[in-house]
Protein backbone atom coordinates (compact mmCIF):
# COMPACT_ATOMS: atom_id res chain seq x y z
CA GLN A 1 -16.19 -94.91 -32.29
CA VAL A 2 -16.51 -97.17 -35.47
CA GLN A 3 -16.52 -100.44 -36.22
CA LEU A 4 -15.86 -102.47 -39.50
CA VAL A 5 -16.16 -105.90 -40.39
CA GLU A 6 -15.11 -107.01 -43.80
CA SER A 7 -16.69 -109.98 -45.36
CA GLY A 8 -16.69 -112.67 -48.72
CA GLY A 9 -13.15 -113.10 -49.16
CA GLY A 10 -11.56 -116.61 -50.15
CA LEU A 11 -10.29 -118.37 -52.74
CA VAL A 12 -11.56 -118.07 -56.84
CA GLN A 13 -9.86 -119.66 -59.90
CA ALA A 14 -8.17 -116.76 -62.19
CA GLY A 15 -10.69 -114.97 -63.99
CA GLY A 16 -13.62 -115.31 -61.20
CA SER A 17 -15.75 -112.39 -59.10
CA LEU A 18 -16.04 -111.85 -55.63
CA ARG A 19 -17.83 -109.44 -53.82
CA LEU A 20 -16.31 -108.02 -50.50
CA SER A 21 -19.02 -106.50 -48.35
CA CYS A 22 -18.07 -103.71 -45.24
CA ALA A 23 -20.14 -103.58 -42.82
CA ALA A 24 -19.73 -100.33 -40.43
CA SER A 25 -21.51 -99.94 -37.00
CA GLY A 26 -20.55 -97.57 -34.00
CA SER A 27 -22.75 -94.52 -32.52
CA THR A 28 -20.40 -91.99 -34.11
CA PHE A 29 -20.80 -93.80 -37.81
CA GLY A 30 -24.65 -93.86 -36.97
CA ARG A 31 -25.05 -90.07 -36.42
CA PHE A 32 -22.52 -89.27 -39.50
CA SER A 33 -22.55 -92.50 -41.73
CA SER A 34 -23.72 -89.93 -44.61
CA THR A 35 -20.63 -87.99 -44.03
CA TYR A 36 -18.02 -90.28 -44.15
CA ALA A 37 -16.10 -91.84 -47.37
CA MET A 38 -14.94 -95.45 -47.78
CA GLY A 39 -12.29 -97.07 -49.09
CA TRP A 40 -10.71 -100.22 -49.98
CA PHE A 41 -7.23 -100.91 -49.75
CA ARG A 42 -5.16 -104.34 -49.98
CA GLN A 43 -1.85 -106.05 -48.51
CA ALA A 44 -0.32 -108.66 -50.38
CA PRO A 45 2.40 -110.80 -48.35
CA GLY A 46 5.66 -108.70 -47.87
CA LYS A 47 4.48 -105.66 -49.42
CA GLU A 48 2.90 -102.39 -48.22
CA ARG A 49 -0.58 -101.72 -48.05
CA VAL A 50 -2.05 -99.46 -51.18
CA PHE A 51 -5.07 -98.18 -52.53
CA VAL A 52 -7.58 -100.47 -54.11
CA ALA A 53 -10.94 -98.21 -54.62
CA ALA A 54 -12.69 -95.08 -52.86
CA ILE A 55 -16.11 -93.45 -52.88
CA ASN A 56 -17.01 -90.37 -51.65
CA TRP A 57 -19.73 -89.68 -48.82
CA ASP A 58 -22.59 -89.57 -51.35
CA SER A 59 -21.94 -92.06 -53.69
CA THR A 60 -21.13 -89.26 -56.43
CA SER A 61 -17.76 -90.09 -56.55
CA SER A 62 -15.32 -92.65 -57.23
CA ALA A 63 -11.57 -93.70 -57.73
CA TYR A 64 -9.79 -96.71 -58.81
CA SER A 65 -6.24 -97.84 -58.73
CA ASP A 66 -4.77 -98.12 -62.56
CA SER A 67 -4.64 -101.78 -61.44
CA VAL A 68 -8.41 -102.49 -61.09
CA LYS A 69 -9.93 -99.77 -63.27
CA GLY A 70 -12.56 -101.28 -65.20
CA ARG A 71 -12.70 -104.72 -63.08
CA PHE A 72 -13.76 -103.97 -59.79
CA THR A 73 -16.31 -101.53 -58.36
CA ILE A 74 -17.24 -99.78 -55.11
CA SER A 75 -20.21 -98.93 -53.95
CA LYS A 76 -21.79 -97.57 -50.73
CA ASP A 77 -25.44 -98.12 -49.31
CA SER A 78 -25.45 -95.47 -47.09
CA ALA A 79 -29.23 -97.10 -45.54
CA LYS A 80 -27.58 -99.84 -44.88
CA SER A 81 -23.91 -98.70 -43.60
CA THR A 82 -22.70 -101.28 -46.04
CA ALA A 83 -19.75 -100.57 -48.62
CA TYR A 84 -19.20 -103.18 -51.87
CA LEU A 85 -15.96 -103.92 -53.74
CA GLU A 86 -17.59 -105.96 -56.47
CA MET A 87 -13.95 -107.88 -58.10
CA SER A 88 -14.45 -109.65 -61.58
CA SER A 89 -11.66 -110.79 -63.99
CA LEU A 90 -9.72 -111.64 -61.23
CA GLN A 91 -5.56 -112.45 -61.66
CA PRO A 92 -3.27 -114.12 -59.00
CA GLU A 93 -1.50 -111.06 -58.42
CA ASP A 94 -5.09 -109.68 -56.98
CA THR A 95 -4.00 -112.22 -54.05
CA ALA A 96 -3.37 -109.92 -50.67
CA VAL A 97 -5.89 -109.03 -47.65
CA TYR A 98 -8.39 -106.65 -48.49
CA TYR A 99 -8.97 -103.71 -45.92
CA CYS A 100 -11.99 -101.49 -45.62
CA ALA A 101 -11.61 -97.78 -44.33
CA ALA A 102 -14.07 -95.27 -43.17
CA GLY A 103 -13.06 -91.70 -43.11
CA ALA A 104 -12.28 -88.37 -46.19
CA TYR A 105 -12.22 -89.22 -49.57
CA GLY A 106 -8.85 -89.85 -51.11
CA SER A 107 -5.98 -92.28 -51.60
CA ARG A 108 -3.71 -92.30 -48.93
CA ILE A 109 -3.92 -94.28 -46.09
CA VAL A 110 -3.87 -91.13 -43.79
CA ASP A 111 -7.26 -90.14 -45.51
CA TYR A 112 -8.97 -92.95 -43.47
CA ALA A 113 -9.28 -92.76 -39.52
CA TYR A 114 -11.23 -96.01 -39.08
CA TRP A 115 -9.87 -99.58 -40.41
CA GLY A 116 -11.55 -102.75 -40.38
CA GLN A 117 -9.68 -106.08 -39.82
CA GLY A 118 -9.37 -107.63 -42.99
CA THR A 119 -10.40 -110.46 -45.27
CA GLN A 120 -8.42 -112.78 -47.25
CA VAL A 121 -8.45 -112.81 -51.26
CA THR A 122 -6.45 -115.76 -52.97
CA VAL A 123 -6.92 -116.46 -56.87
CA SER A 124 -5.48 -119.33 -58.05
CA SER A 125 -3.85 -119.79 -61.68
């Protein structure tokens, strides 16, 4: 099994920055951590969960949704079994619960087998 725990969410003013972390653990992850891609998704109230960013297993490829491209940066530290999402120039429309996920590299929910519980990000105007 793999456990993912997000942290770093909070309340920030528009134009501000936040850094989300996703710590992975579990016996399966310990053995295969270098093979997992990591992704971030978000879900705003009353809306579906949507793709934000992904990074492949060796950090050589990354992908972003158009809405965050140029503002968000995903990274992965395999030695620490942790993924990060650096968010800058935050806007109220970025308000959502942010989820990290581990699995295959992609932008679809079904690409990821393991999910965290989510961390709330609220951007005030």
